[in-house]
Amino acid sequence: QVQLVESGGGLVQAGGSLRLSCAASGRAITTYVMTWFRQAPGKERELVAGIARSGGSTYYTDSVKGRFTISRDNVKNMVYLQMNNLKPEDTAVYYCGAGSAITSRDRDYNYWGQGTQVTVSS
């Protein structure tokens, strides 16, 4: 079992930055690829970014490329999402997910955190 706890969300103006953190416990995250999804009101949960077990490869959805950076610290059992140049359309609840492969289907993931709200004002 893996427990995931996200933090770092908040209210920020457009153009600002936030750094989300995902703290894992119960099992080493080296077993899993790690991802960040987000869900805006009335929309499905969407994959934002993913990172391989070693951190050697990453994935980003087109809308965040060049603005967001995913990283992981396998020693600290942590995953991060650095979000720069935030836009109002980035407003959503952001979730950390752990799974065996980076896919866009949330049902493919074994473990989820409770989410952290990110609100970007215009």
PDB file of N, CA and C in Angstrom:
ATOM      1  N   GLN A   1       0.829  -1.196   0.000  1.00  0.00           N
ATOM      2  CA  GLN A   1       0.000   0.000   0.000  1.00  0.00           C
ATOM      3  C   GLN A   1       0.864   1.246   0.000  1.00  0.00           C
ATOM      4  N   VAL A   2       0.418   2.235  -0.737  1.00  0.00           N
ATOM      5  CA  VAL A   2       1.098   3.521  -0.775  1.00  0.00           C
ATOM      6  C   VAL A   2       0.089   4.595  -0.409  1.00  0.00           C
ATOM      7  N   GLN A   3       0.476   5.457   0.491  1.00  0.00           N
ATOM      8  CA  GLN A   3      -0.342   6.617   0.811  1.00  0.00           C
ATOM      9  C   GLN A   3       0.320   7.850   0.185  1.00  0.00           C
ATOM     10  N   LEU A   4      -0.506   8.659  -0.478  1.00  0.00           N
ATOM     11  CA  LEU A   4      -0.014   9.862  -1.156  1.00  0.00           C
ATOM     12  C   LEU A   4      -0.722  11.078  -0.583  1.00  0.00           C
ATOM     13  N   VAL A   5       0.056  12.106  -0.274  1.00  0.00           N
ATOM     14  CA  VAL A   5      -0.513  13.338   0.268  1.00  0.00           C
ATOM     15  C   VAL A   5       0.056  14.513  -0.507  1.00  0.00           C
ATOM     16  N   GLU A   6      -0.837  15.249  -1.178  1.00  0.00           N
ATOM     17  CA  GLU A   6      -0.427  16.425  -1.938  1.00  0.00           C
ATOM     18  C   GLU A   6      -0.472  17.676  -1.062  1.00  0.00           C
ATOM     19  N   SER A   7       0.356  18.627  -1.421  1.00  0.00           N
ATOM     20  CA  SER A   7       0.348  19.933  -0.757  1.00  0.00           C
ATOM     21  C   SER A   7       0.908  20.972  -1.712  1.00  0.00           C
ATOM     22  N   GLY A   8       0.733  22.236  -1.345  1.00  0.00           N
ATOM     23  CA  GLY A   8       1.329  23.316  -2.133  1.00  0.00           C
ATOM     24  C   GLY A   8       0.363  24.088  -2.994  1.00  0.00           C
ATOM     25  N   GLY A   9      -0.892  23.656  -3.051  1.00  0.00           N
ATOM     26  CA  GLY A   9      -1.867  24.395  -3.827  1.00  0.00           C
ATOM     27  C   GLY A   9      -2.204  25.734  -3.190  1.00  0.00           C
ATOM     28  N   GLY A  10      -2.977  26.526  -3.923  1.00  0.00           N
ATOM     29  CA  GLY A  10      -3.381  27.819  -3.395  1.00  0.00           C
ATOM     30  C   GLY A  10      -3.929  28.712  -4.473  1.00  0.00           C
ATOM     31  N   LEU A  11      -4.079  29.982  -4.114  1.00  0.00           N
ATOM     32  CA  LEU A  11      -4.589  30.998  -5.037  1.00  0.00           C
ATOM     33  C   LEU A  11      -3.409  31.832  -5.523  1.00  0.00           C
ATOM     34  N   VAL A  12      -3.311  31.994  -6.820  1.00  0.00           N
ATOM     35  CA  VAL A  12      -2.213  32.748  -7.401  1.00  0.00           C
ATOM     36  C   VAL A  12      -2.741  33.536  -8.595  1.00  0.00           C
ATOM     37  N   GLN A  13      -2.114  34.665  -8.867  1.00  0.00           N
ATOM     38  CA  GLN A  13      -2.505  35.446 -10.041  1.00  0.00           C
ATOM     39  C   GLN A  13      -1.909  34.842 -11.309  1.00  0.00           C
ATOM     40  N   ALA A  14      -2.558  35.116 -12.410  1.00  0.00           N
ATOM     41  CA  ALA A  14      -2.038  34.662 -13.701  1.00  0.00           C
ATOM     42  C   ALA A  14      -0.605  35.155 -13.878  1.00  0.00           C
ATOM     43  N   GLY A  15       0.240  34.248 -14.385  1.00  0.00           N
ATOM     44  CA  GLY A  15       1.649  34.553 -14.533  1.00  0.00           C
ATOM     45  C   GLY A  15       2.494  34.141 -13.356  1.00  0.00           C
ATOM     46  N   GLY A  16       1.846  33.780 -12.265  1.00  0.00           N
ATOM     47  CA  GLY A  16       2.559  33.385 -11.062  1.00  0.00           C
ATOM     48  C   GLY A  16       3.000  31.928 -11.091  1.00  0.00           C
ATOM     49  N   SER A  17       3.577  31.492  -9.985  1.00  0.00           N
ATOM     50  CA  SER A  17       4.122  30.138  -9.882  1.00  0.00           C
ATOM     51  C   SER A  17       3.657  29.465  -8.597  1.00  0.00           C
ATOM     52  N   LEU A  18       3.585  28.163  -8.656  1.00  0.00           N
ATOM     53  CA  LEU A  18       3.343  27.326  -7.484  1.00  0.00           C
ATOM     54  C   LEU A  18       4.175  26.058  -7.637  1.00  0.00           C
ATOM     55  N   ARG A  19       4.526  25.478  -6.500  1.00  0.00           N
ATOM     56  CA  ARG A  19       5.209  24.178  -6.505  1.00  0.00           C
ATOM     57  C   ARG A  19       4.385  23.207  -5.689  1.00  0.00           C
ATOM     58  N   LEU A  20       3.871  22.189  -6.359  1.00  0.00           N
ATOM     59  CA  LEU A  20       3.114  21.148  -5.669  1.00  0.00           C
ATOM     60  C   LEU A  20       4.061  20.039  -5.227  1.00  0.00           C
ATOM     61  N   SER A  21       3.748  19.476  -4.073  1.00  0.00           N
ATOM     62  CA  SER A  21       4.520  18.356  -3.546  1.00  0.00           C
ATOM     63  C   SER A  21       3.593  17.176  -3.309  1.00  0.00           C
ATOM     64  N   CYS A  22       4.118  15.987  -3.478  1.00  0.00           N
ATOM     65  CA  CYS A  22       3.392  14.752  -3.187  1.00  0.00           C
ATOM     66  C   CYS A  22       4.290  13.891  -2.308  1.00  0.00           C
ATOM     67  N   ALA A  23       3.868  13.692  -1.070  1.00  0.00           N
ATOM     68  CA  ALA A  23       4.630  12.891  -0.129  1.00  0.00           C
ATOM     69  C   ALA A  23       4.060  11.478  -0.093  1.00  0.00           C
ATOM     70  N   ALA A  24       4.923  10.500  -0.315  1.00  0.00           N
ATOM     71  CA  ALA A  24       4.498   9.102  -0.324  1.00  0.00           C
ATOM     72  C   ALA A  24       4.987   8.394   0.934  1.00  0.00           C
ATOM     73  N   SER A  25       4.165   7.476   1.410  1.00  0.00           N
ATOM     74  CA  SER A  25       4.552   6.655   2.560  1.00  0.00           C
ATOM     75  C   SER A  25       3.998   5.257   2.380  1.00  0.00           C
ATOM     76  N   GLY A  26       4.566   4.326   3.125  1.00  0.00           N
ATOM     77  CA  GLY A  26       4.088   2.950   3.103  1.00  0.00           C
ATOM     78  C   GLY A  26       4.889   2.045   2.191  1.00  0.00           C
ATOM     79  N   ARG A  27       5.454   2.608   1.148  1.00  0.00           N
ATOM     80  CA  ARG A  27       6.227   1.823   0.196  1.00  0.00           C
ATOM     81  C   ARG A  27       7.082   2.769  -0.631  1.00  0.00           C
ATOM     82  N   ALA A  28       8.236   2.313  -1.053  1.00  0.00           N
ATOM     83  CA  ALA A  28       9.123   3.149  -1.863  1.00  0.00           C
ATOM     84  C   ALA A  28       8.492   3.438  -3.224  1.00  0.00           C
ATOM     85  N   ILE A  29       8.565   4.697  -3.653  1.00  0.00           N
ATOM     86  CA  ILE A  29       7.955   5.050  -4.938  1.00  0.00           C
ATOM     87  C   ILE A  29       8.778   4.595  -6.120  1.00  0.00           C
ATOM     88  N   THR A  30       9.976   4.043  -5.870  1.00  0.00           N
ATOM     89  CA  THR A  30      10.776   3.526  -6.987  1.00  0.00           C
ATOM     90  C   THR A  30      10.055   2.416  -7.726  1.00  0.00           C
ATOM     91  N   THR A  31       9.051   1.843  -7.083  1.00  0.00           N
ATOM     92  CA  THR A  31       8.264   0.785  -7.714  1.00  0.00           C
ATOM     93  C   THR A  31       7.334   1.330  -8.789  1.00  0.00           C
ATOM     94  N   TYR A  32       7.069   2.633  -8.758  1.00  0.00           N
ATOM     95  CA  TYR A  32       5.998   3.202  -9.571  1.00  0.00           C
ATOM     96  C   TYR A  32       6.461   4.330 -10.472  1.00  0.00           C
ATOM     97  N   VAL A  33       5.783   4.458 -11.612  1.00  0.00           N
ATOM     98  CA  VAL A  33       5.823   5.737 -12.297  1.00  0.00           C
ATOM     99  C   VAL A  33       4.903   6.656 -11.505  1.00  0.00           C
ATOM    100  N   MET A  34       5.213   7.932 -11.553  1.00  0.00           N
ATOM    101  CA  MET A  34       4.439   8.907 -10.794  1.00  0.00           C
ATOM    102  C   MET A  34       3.883   9.963 -11.735  1.00  0.00           C
ATOM    103  N   THR A  35       2.691  10.403 -11.446  1.00  0.00           N
ATOM    104  CA  THR A  35       2.025  11.352 -12.333  1.00  0.00           C
ATOM    105  C   THR A  35       1.296  12.424 -11.532  1.00  0.00           C
ATOM    106  N   TRP A  36       1.016  13.490 -12.242  1.00  0.00           N
ATOM    107  CA  TRP A  36       0.092  14.520 -11.756  1.00  0.00           C
ATOM    108  C   TRP A  36      -1.067  14.596 -12.748  1.00  0.00           C
ATOM    109  N   PHE A  37      -2.271  14.493 -12.219  1.00  0.00           N
ATOM    110  CA  PHE A  37      -3.497  14.704 -12.963  1.00  0.00           C
ATOM    111  C   PHE A  37      -4.161  15.965 -12.402  1.00  0.00           C
ATOM    112  N   ARG A  38      -5.128  16.471 -13.134  1.00  0.00           N
ATOM    113  CA  ARG A  38      -5.941  17.562 -12.609  1.00  0.00           C
ATOM    114  C   ARG A  38      -7.376  17.380 -13.068  1.00  0.00           C
ATOM    115  N   GLN A  39      -8.270  17.943 -12.258  1.00  0.00           N
ATOM    116  CA  GLN A  39      -9.695  17.878 -12.581  1.00  0.00           C
ATOM    117  C   GLN A  39     -10.330  19.215 -12.288  1.00  0.00           C
ATOM    118  N   ALA A  40     -10.837  19.844 -13.343  1.00  0.00           N
ATOM    119  CA  ALA A  40     -11.557  21.105 -13.210  1.00  0.00           C
ATOM    120  C   ALA A  40     -13.041  20.807 -13.042  1.00  0.00           C
ATOM    121  N   PRO A  41     -13.808  21.726 -12.468  1.00  0.00           N
ATOM    122  CA  PRO A  41     -15.236  21.493 -12.271  1.00  0.00           C
ATOM    123  C   PRO A  41     -15.934  21.138 -13.582  1.00  0.00           C
ATOM    124  N   GLY A  42     -16.693  20.055 -13.556  1.00  0.00           N
ATOM    125  CA  GLY A  42     -17.442  19.652 -14.732  1.00  0.00           C
ATOM    126  C   GLY A  42     -16.641  18.956 -15.794  1.00  0.00           C
ATOM    127  N   LYS A  43     -15.374  18.704 -15.523  1.00  0.00           N
ATOM    128  CA  LYS A  43     -14.513  18.048 -16.513  1.00  0.00           C
ATOM    129  C   LYS A  43     -13.946  16.754 -15.962  1.00  0.00           C
ATOM    130  N   GLU A  44     -13.465  15.910 -16.881  1.00  0.00           N
ATOM    131  CA  GLU A  44     -12.844  14.659 -16.469  1.00  0.00           C
ATOM    132  C   GLU A  44     -11.437  14.927 -15.957  1.00  0.00           C
ATOM    133  N   ARG A  45     -10.937  13.994 -15.170  1.00  0.00           N
ATOM    134  CA  ARG A  45      -9.570  14.076 -14.684  1.00  0.00           C
ATOM    135  C   ARG A  45      -8.637  13.877 -15.872  1.00  0.00           C
ATOM    136  N   GLU A  46      -7.648  14.755 -16.010  1.00  0.00           N
ATOM    137  CA  GLU A  46      -6.731  14.669 -17.142  1.00  0.00           C
ATOM    138  C   GLU A  46      -5.285  14.579 -16.679  1.00  0.00           C
ATOM    139  N   LEU A  47      -4.512  13.829 -17.441  1.00  0.00           N
ATOM    140  CA  LEU A  47      -3.095  13.683 -17.161  1.00  0.00           C
ATOM    141  C   LEU A  47      -2.371  14.985 -17.491  1.00  0.00           C
ATOM    142  N   VAL A  48      -1.596  15.477 -16.550  1.00  0.00           N
ATOM    143  CA  VAL A  48      -0.822  16.702 -16.740  1.00  0.00           C
ATOM    144  C   VAL A  48       0.644  16.375 -17.022  1.00  0.00           C
ATOM    145  N   ALA A  49       1.229  15.518 -16.183  1.00  0.00           N
ATOM    146  CA  ALA A  49       2.645  15.187 -16.317  1.00  0.00           C
ATOM    147  C   ALA A  49       2.914  13.828 -15.687  1.00  0.00           C
ATOM    148  N   GLY A  50       3.940  13.155 -16.198  1.00  0.00           N
ATOM    149  CA  GLY A  50       4.340  11.871 -15.645  1.00  0.00           C
ATOM    150  C   GLY A  50       5.850  11.744 -15.663  1.00  0.00           C
ATOM    151  N   ILE A  51       6.365  10.901 -14.775  1.00  0.00           N
ATOM    152  CA  ILE A  51       7.808  10.710 -14.693  1.00  0.00           C
ATOM    153  C   ILE A  51       8.105   9.235 -14.448  1.00  0.00           C
ATOM    154  N   ALA A  52       9.112   8.741 -15.157  1.00  0.00           N
ATOM    155  CA  ALA A  52       9.502   7.340 -15.036  1.00  0.00           C
ATOM    156  C   ALA A  52      10.097   7.045 -13.663  1.00  0.00           C
ATOM    157  N   ARG A  53      10.228   5.745 -13.372  1.00  0.00           N
ATOM    158  CA  ARG A  53      10.703   5.332 -12.054  1.00  0.00           C
ATOM    159  C   ARG A  53      12.043   5.947 -11.680  1.00  0.00           C
ATOM    160  N   SER A  54      12.947   6.009 -12.651  1.00  0.00           N
ATOM    161  CA  SER A  54      14.278   6.554 -12.390  1.00  0.00           C
ATOM    162  C   SER A  54      14.325   8.066 -12.519  1.00  0.00           C
ATOM    163  N   GLY A  55      13.274   8.639 -13.052  1.00  0.00           N
ATOM    164  CA  GLY A  55      13.271  10.074 -13.340  1.00  0.00           C
ATOM    165  C   GLY A  55      13.910  10.408 -14.672  1.00  0.00           C
ATOM    166  N   GLY A  56      14.308   9.380 -15.426  1.00  0.00           N
ATOM    167  CA  GLY A  56      15.025   9.604 -16.674  1.00  0.00           C
ATOM    168  C   GLY A  56      14.174  10.094 -17.816  1.00  0.00           C
ATOM    169  N   SER A  57      12.886   9.863 -17.757  1.00  0.00           N
ATOM    170  CA  SER A  57      12.016  10.359 -18.822  1.00  0.00           C
ATOM    171  C   SER A  57      10.755  10.952 -18.227  1.00  0.00           C
ATOM    172  N   THR A  58      10.227  11.934 -18.928  1.00  0.00           N
ATOM    173  CA  THR A  58       9.041  12.627 -18.464  1.00  0.00           C
ATOM    174  C   THR A  58       8.047  12.797 -19.606  1.00  0.00           C
ATOM    175  N   TYR A  59       6.805  13.050 -19.214  1.00  0.00           N
ATOM    176  CA  TYR A  59       5.740  13.323 -20.185  1.00  0.00           C
ATOM    177  C   TYR A  59       4.988  14.552 -19.719  1.00  0.00           C
ATOM    178  N   TYR A  60       4.565  15.386 -20.682  1.00  0.00           N
ATOM    179  CA  TYR A  60       3.729  16.545 -20.374  1.00  0.00           C
ATOM    180  C   TYR A  60       2.615  16.650 -21.401  1.00  0.00           C
ATOM    181  N   THR A  61       1.442  16.996 -20.941  1.00  0.00           N
ATOM    182  CA  THR A  61       0.394  17.301 -21.880  1.00  0.00           C
ATOM    183  C   THR A  61       0.734  18.616 -22.588  1.00  0.00           C
ATOM    184  N   ASP A  62       0.246  18.778 -23.805  1.00  0.00           N
ATOM    185  CA  ASP A  62       0.679  19.912 -24.633  1.00  0.00           C
ATOM    186  C   ASP A  62       0.447  21.263 -23.958  1.00  0.00           C
ATOM    187  N   SER A  63      -0.655  21.386 -23.232  1.00  0.00           N
ATOM    188  CA  SER A  63      -1.021  22.694 -22.696  1.00  0.00           C
ATOM    189  C   SER A  63      -0.082  23.193 -21.595  1.00  0.00           C
ATOM    190  N   VAL A  64       0.752  22.309 -21.043  1.00  0.00           N
ATOM    191  CA  VAL A  64       1.648  22.733 -19.959  1.00  0.00           C
ATOM    192  C   VAL A  64       3.121  22.648 -20.335  1.00  0.00           C
ATOM    193  N   LYS A  65       3.411  22.174 -21.527  1.00  0.00           N
ATOM    194  CA  LYS A  65       4.810  22.055 -21.952  1.00  0.00           C
ATOM    195  C   LYS A  65       5.495  23.419 -21.927  1.00  0.00           C
ATOM    196  N   GLY A  66       6.689  23.453 -21.357  1.00  0.00           N
ATOM    197  CA  GLY A  66       7.437  24.693 -21.249  1.00  0.00           C
ATOM    198  C   GLY A  66       7.084  25.517 -20.025  1.00  0.00           C
ATOM    199  N   ARG A  67       6.025  25.144 -19.325  1.00  0.00           N
ATOM    200  CA  ARG A  67       5.602  25.878 -18.123  1.00  0.00           C
ATOM    201  C   ARG A  67       5.704  25.030 -16.859  1.00  0.00           C
ATOM    202  N   PHE A  68       5.429  23.742 -16.962  1.00  0.00           N
ATOM    203  CA  PHE A  68       5.427  22.849 -15.800  1.00  0.00           C
ATOM    204  C   PHE A  68       6.622  21.906 -15.878  1.00  0.00           C
ATOM    205  N   THR A  69       7.134  21.535 -14.706  1.00  0.00           N
ATOM    206  CA  THR A  69       8.224  20.575 -14.619  1.00  0.00           C
ATOM    207  C   THR A  69       7.931  19.575 -13.507  1.00  0.00           C
ATOM    208  N   ILE A  70       7.922  18.298 -13.876  1.00  0.00           N
ATOM    209  CA  ILE A  70       7.743  17.242 -12.877  1.00  0.00           C
ATOM    210  C   ILE A  70       9.115  16.706 -12.483  1.00  0.00           C
ATOM    211  N   SER A  71       9.258  16.388 -11.213  1.00  0.00           N
ATOM    212  CA  SER A  71      10.504  15.809 -10.728  1.00  0.00           C
ATOM    213  C   SER A  71      10.191  14.863  -9.567  1.00  0.00           C
ATOM    214  N   ARG A  72      11.163  14.052  -9.224  1.00  0.00           N
ATOM    215  CA  ARG A  72      10.974  13.122  -8.110  1.00  0.00           C
ATOM    216  C   ARG A  72      12.271  12.979  -7.342  1.00  0.00           C
ATOM    217  N   ASP A  73      12.140  12.701  -6.066  1.00  0.00           N
ATOM    218  CA  ASP A  73      13.271  12.414  -5.187  1.00  0.00           C
ATOM    219  C   ASP A  73      12.986  11.065  -4.551  1.00  0.00           C
ATOM    220  N   ASN A  74      13.592  10.025  -5.108  1.00  0.00           N
ATOM    221  CA  ASN A  74      13.302   8.673  -4.638  1.00  0.00           C
ATOM    222  C   ASN A  74      13.866   8.412  -3.237  1.00  0.00           C
ATOM    223  N   VAL A  75      14.846   9.181  -2.821  1.00  0.00           N
ATOM    224  CA  VAL A  75      15.387   9.023  -1.475  1.00  0.00           C
ATOM    225  C   VAL A  75      14.382   9.563  -0.455  1.00  0.00           C
ATOM    226  N   LYS A  76      13.797  10.711  -0.769  1.00  0.00           N
ATOM    227  CA  LYS A  76      12.820  11.316   0.141  1.00  0.00           C
ATOM    228  C   LYS A  76      11.400  10.798  -0.095  1.00  0.00           C
ATOM    229  N   ASN A  77      11.212   9.995  -1.133  1.00  0.00           N
ATOM    230  CA  ASN A  77       9.868   9.483  -1.465  1.00  0.00           C
ATOM    231  C   ASN A  77       8.902  10.619  -1.794  1.00  0.00           C
ATOM    232  N   MET A  78       9.401  11.566  -2.595  1.00  0.00           N
ATOM    233  CA  MET A  78       8.626  12.761  -2.917  1.00  0.00           C
ATOM    234  C   MET A  78       8.534  12.950  -4.427  1.00  0.00           C
ATOM    235  N   VAL A  79       7.450  13.571  -4.848  1.00  0.00           N
ATOM    236  CA  VAL A  79       7.256  13.959  -6.247  1.00  0.00           C
ATOM    237  C   VAL A  79       6.827  15.420  -6.246  1.00  0.00           C
ATOM    238  N   TYR A  80       7.285  16.164  -7.235  1.00  0.00           N
ATOM    239  CA  TYR A  80       7.009  17.592  -7.281  1.00  0.00           C
ATOM    240  C   TYR A  80       6.457  17.984  -8.653  1.00  0.00           C
ATOM    241  N   LEU A  81       5.713  19.084  -8.650  1.00  0.00           N
ATOM    242  CA  LEU A  81       5.281  19.699  -9.906  1.00  0.00           C
ATOM    243  C   LEU A  81       5.511  21.202  -9.774  1.00  0.00           C
ATOM    244  N   GLN A  82       6.521  21.695 -10.471  1.00  0.00           N
ATOM    245  CA  GLN A  82       6.782  23.118 -10.511  1.00  0.00           C
ATOM    246  C   GLN A  82       5.948  23.713 -11.634  1.00  0.00           C
ATOM    247  N   MET A  83       5.105  24.678 -11.280  1.00  0.00           N
ATOM    248  CA  MET A  83       4.188  25.283 -12.255  1.00  0.00           C
ATOM    249  C   MET A  83       4.510  26.767 -12.375  1.00  0.00           C
ATOM    250  N   ASN A  84       4.942  27.164 -13.550  1.00  0.00           N
ATOM    251  CA  ASN A  84       5.278  28.560 -13.820  1.00  0.00           C
ATOM    252  C   ASN A  84       4.326  29.148 -14.857  1.00  0.00           C
ATOM    253  N   ASN A  85       4.280  30.464 -14.909  1.00  0.00           N
ATOM    254  CA  ASN A  85       3.425  31.162 -15.874  1.00  0.00           C
ATOM    255  C   ASN A  85       2.010  30.581 -15.872  1.00  0.00           C
ATOM    256  N   LEU A  86       1.448  30.492 -14.693  1.00  0.00           N
ATOM    257  CA  LEU A  86       0.126  29.888 -14.546  1.00  0.00           C
ATOM    258  C   LEU A  86      -0.943  30.710 -15.246  1.00  0.00           C
ATOM    259  N   LYS A  87      -1.938  30.001 -15.763  1.00  0.00           N
ATOM    260  CA  LYS A  87      -3.044  30.615 -16.489  1.00  0.00           C
ATOM    261  C   LYS A  87      -4.353  30.262 -15.797  1.00  0.00           C
ATOM    262  N   PRO A  88      -5.389  31.068 -15.979  1.00  0.00           N
ATOM    263  CA  PRO A  88      -6.688  30.742 -15.355  1.00  0.00           C
ATOM    264  C   PRO A  88      -7.180  29.343 -15.727  1.00  0.00           C
ATOM    265  N   GLU A  89      -6.871  28.883 -16.923  1.00  0.00           N
ATOM    266  CA  GLU A  89      -7.308  27.544 -17.344  1.00  0.00           C
ATOM    267  C   GLU A  89      -6.565  26.415 -16.633  1.00  0.00           C
ATOM    268  N   ASP A  90      -5.548  26.742 -15.857  1.00  0.00           N
ATOM    269  CA  ASP A  90      -4.878  25.733 -15.032  1.00  0.00           C
ATOM    270  C   ASP A  90      -5.620  25.478 -13.722  1.00  0.00           C
ATOM    271  N   THR A  91      -6.657  26.251 -13.453  1.00  0.00           N
ATOM    272  CA  THR A  91      -7.431  26.089 -12.225  1.00  0.00           C
ATOM    273  C   THR A  91      -8.072  24.708 -12.174  1.00  0.00           C
ATOM    274  N   ALA A  92      -7.789  23.971 -11.105  1.00  0.00           N
ATOM    275  CA  ALA A  92      -8.278  22.602 -10.965  1.00  0.00           C
ATOM    276  C   ALA A  92      -7.820  22.052  -9.617  1.00  0.00           C
ATOM    277  N   VAL A  93      -8.349  20.893  -9.288  1.00  0.00           N
ATOM    278  CA  VAL A  93      -7.776  20.107  -8.201  1.00  0.00           C
ATOM    279  C   VAL A  93      -6.705  19.220  -8.819  1.00  0.00           C
ATOM    280  N   TYR A  94      -5.512  19.253  -8.234  1.00  0.00           N
ATOM    281  CA  TYR A  94      -4.383  18.489  -8.752  1.00  0.00           C
ATOM    282  C   TYR A  94      -4.164  17.260  -7.866  1.00  0.00           C
ATOM    283  N   TYR A  95      -4.025  16.104  -8.545  1.00  0.00           N
ATOM    284  CA  TYR A  95      -3.872  14.831  -7.860  1.00  0.00           C
ATOM    285  C   TYR A  95      -2.545  14.170  -8.239  1.00  0.00           C
ATOM    286  N   CYS A  96      -1.949  13.552  -7.275  1.00  0.00           N
ATOM    287  CA  CYS A  96      -0.759  12.737  -7.483  1.00  0.00           C
ATOM    288  C   CYS A  96      -1.207  11.282  -7.628  1.00  0.00           C
ATOM    289  N   GLY A  97      -0.680  10.589  -8.644  1.00  0.00           N
ATOM    290  CA  GLY A  97      -1.051   9.207  -8.874  1.00  0.00           C
ATOM    291  C   GLY A  97       0.180   8.330  -9.046  1.00  0.00           C
ATOM    292  N   ALA A  98       0.076   7.087  -8.606  1.00  0.00           N
ATOM    293  CA  ALA A  98       1.168   6.118  -8.733  1.00  0.00           C
ATOM    294  C   ALA A  98       0.660   4.905  -9.496  1.00  0.00           C
ATOM    295  N   GLY A  99       1.452   4.449 -10.461  1.00  0.00           N
ATOM    296  CA  GLY A  99       1.032   3.305 -11.255  1.00  0.00           C
ATOM    297  C   GLY A  99       2.200   2.585 -11.885  1.00  0.00           C
ATOM    298  N   SER A 100       1.877   1.674 -12.791  1.00  0.00           N
ATOM    299  CA  SER A 100       2.912   0.859 -13.413  1.00  0.00           C
ATOM    300  C   SER A 100       3.357   1.409 -14.759  1.00  0.00           C
ATOM    301  N   ALA A 101       2.562   2.293 -15.337  1.00  0.00           N
ATOM    302  CA  ALA A 101       2.923   2.905 -16.620  1.00  0.00           C
ATOM    303  C   ALA A 101       2.234   4.260 -16.717  1.00  0.00           C
ATOM    304  N   ILE A 102       2.817   5.141 -17.488  1.00  0.00           N
ATOM    305  CA  ILE A 102       2.214   6.463 -17.681  1.00  0.00           C
ATOM    306  C   ILE A 102       1.149   6.353 -18.761  1.00  0.00           C
ATOM    307  N   THR A 103      -0.090   6.437 -18.337  1.00  0.00           N
ATOM    308  CA  THR A 103      -1.204   6.430 -19.270  1.00  0.00           C
ATOM    309  C   THR A 103      -2.131   7.593 -18.919  1.00  0.00           C
ATOM    310  N   SER A 104      -3.006   7.917 -19.826  1.00  0.00           N
ATOM    311  CA  SER A 104      -3.936   9.027 -19.585  1.00  0.00           C
ATOM    312  C   SER A 104      -5.221   8.571 -18.903  1.00  0.00           C
ATOM    313  N   ARG A 105      -5.338   7.274 -18.648  1.00  0.00           N
ATOM    314  CA  ARG A 105      -6.565   6.744 -18.045  1.00  0.00           C
ATOM    315  C   ARG A 105      -6.396   6.655 -16.535  1.00  0.00           C
ATOM    316  N   ASP A 106      -7.213   7.398 -15.811  1.00  0.00           N
ATOM    317  CA  ASP A 106      -7.025   7.408 -14.357  1.00  0.00           C
ATOM    318  C   ASP A 106      -7.294   6.034 -13.741  1.00  0.00           C
ATOM    319  N   ARG A 107      -8.076   5.202 -14.396  1.00  0.00           N
ATOM    320  CA  ARG A 107      -8.354   3.882 -13.835  1.00  0.00           C
ATOM    321  C   ARG A 107      -7.138   2.954 -13.864  1.00  0.00           C
ATOM    322  N   ASP A 108      -6.104   3.352 -14.581  1.00  0.00           N
ATOM    323  CA  ASP A 108      -4.891   2.526 -14.657  1.00  0.00           C
ATOM    324  C   ASP A 108      -3.977   2.717 -13.455  1.00  0.00           C
ATOM    325  N   TYR A 109      -4.299   3.642 -12.588  1.00  0.00           N
ATOM    326  CA  TYR A 109      -3.410   3.958 -11.475  1.00  0.00           C
ATOM    327  C   TYR A 109      -3.858   3.293 -10.196  1.00  0.00           C
ATOM    328  N   ASN A 110      -2.874   2.828  -9.443  1.00  0.00           N
ATOM    329  CA  ASN A 110      -3.152   2.057  -8.244  1.00  0.00           C
ATOM    330  C   ASN A 110      -3.494   2.934  -7.029  1.00  0.00           C
ATOM    331  N   TYR A 111      -2.822   4.078  -6.957  1.00  0.00           N
ATOM    332  CA  TYR A 111      -2.943   4.896  -5.751  1.00  0.00           C
ATOM    333  C   TYR A 111      -3.100   6.367  -6.124  1.00  0.00           C
ATOM    334  N   TRP A 112      -3.892   7.057  -5.313  1.00  0.00           N
ATOM    335  CA  TRP A 112      -4.153   8.482  -5.490  1.00  0.00           C
ATOM    336  C   TRP A 112      -4.066   9.205  -4.166  1.00  0.00           C
ATOM    337  N   GLY A 113      -3.681  10.479  -4.245  1.00  0.00           N
ATOM    338  CA  GLY A 113      -3.809  11.343  -3.087  1.00  0.00           C
ATOM    339  C   GLY A 113      -5.192  11.970  -3.057  1.00  0.00           C
ATOM    340  N   GLN A 114      -5.392  12.854  -2.076  1.00  0.00           N
ATOM    341  CA  GLN A 114      -6.704  13.463  -1.888  1.00  0.00           C
ATOM    342  C   GLN A 114      -6.885  14.710  -2.735  1.00  0.00           C
ATOM    343  N   GLY A 115      -5.784  15.208  -3.291  1.00  0.00           N
ATOM    344  CA  GLY A 115      -5.849  16.368  -4.161  1.00  0.00           C
ATOM    345  C   GLY A 115      -5.535  17.665  -3.446  1.00  0.00           C
ATOM    346  N   THR A 116      -5.081  18.646  -4.215  1.00  0.00           N
ATOM    347  CA  THR A 116      -4.827  19.988  -3.697  1.00  0.00           C
ATOM    348  C   THR A 116      -5.356  20.998  -4.722  1.00  0.00           C
ATOM    349  N   GLN A 117      -6.072  21.995  -4.229  1.00  0.00           N
ATOM    350  CA  GLN A 117      -6.732  22.960  -5.107  1.00  0.00           C
ATOM    351  C   GLN A 117      -5.735  24.014  -5.585  1.00  0.00           C
ATOM    352  N   VAL A 118      -5.750  24.239  -6.887  1.00  0.00           N
ATOM    353  CA  VAL A 118      -4.986  25.335  -7.491  1.00  0.00           C
ATOM    354  C   VAL A 118      -5.978  26.265  -8.172  1.00  0.00           C
ATOM    355  N   THR A 119      -5.954  27.526  -7.798  1.00  0.00           N
ATOM    356  CA  THR A 119      -6.837  28.514  -8.385  1.00  0.00           C
ATOM    357  C   THR A 119      -5.996  29.658  -8.939  1.00  0.00           C
ATOM    358  N   VAL A 120      -6.173  29.943 -10.227  1.00  0.00           N
ATOM    359  CA  VAL A 120      -5.414  31.001 -10.876  1.00  0.00           C
ATOM    360  C   VAL A 120      -6.384  32.108 -11.280  1.00  0.00           C
ATOM    361  N   SER A 121      -6.181  33.285 -10.722  1.00  0.00           N
ATOM    362  CA  SER A 121      -7.061  34.410 -11.027  1.00  0.00           C
ATOM    363  C   SER A 121      -6.500  35.227 -12.190  1.00  0.00           C
ATOM    364  N   SER A 122      -7.414  35.804 -12.942  1.00  0.00           N
ATOM    365  CA  SER A 122      -6.987  36.595 -14.121  1.00  0.00           C
ATOM    366  C   SER A 122      -6.754  38.058 -13.773  1.00  0.00           C
TER     367      SER A 122
END
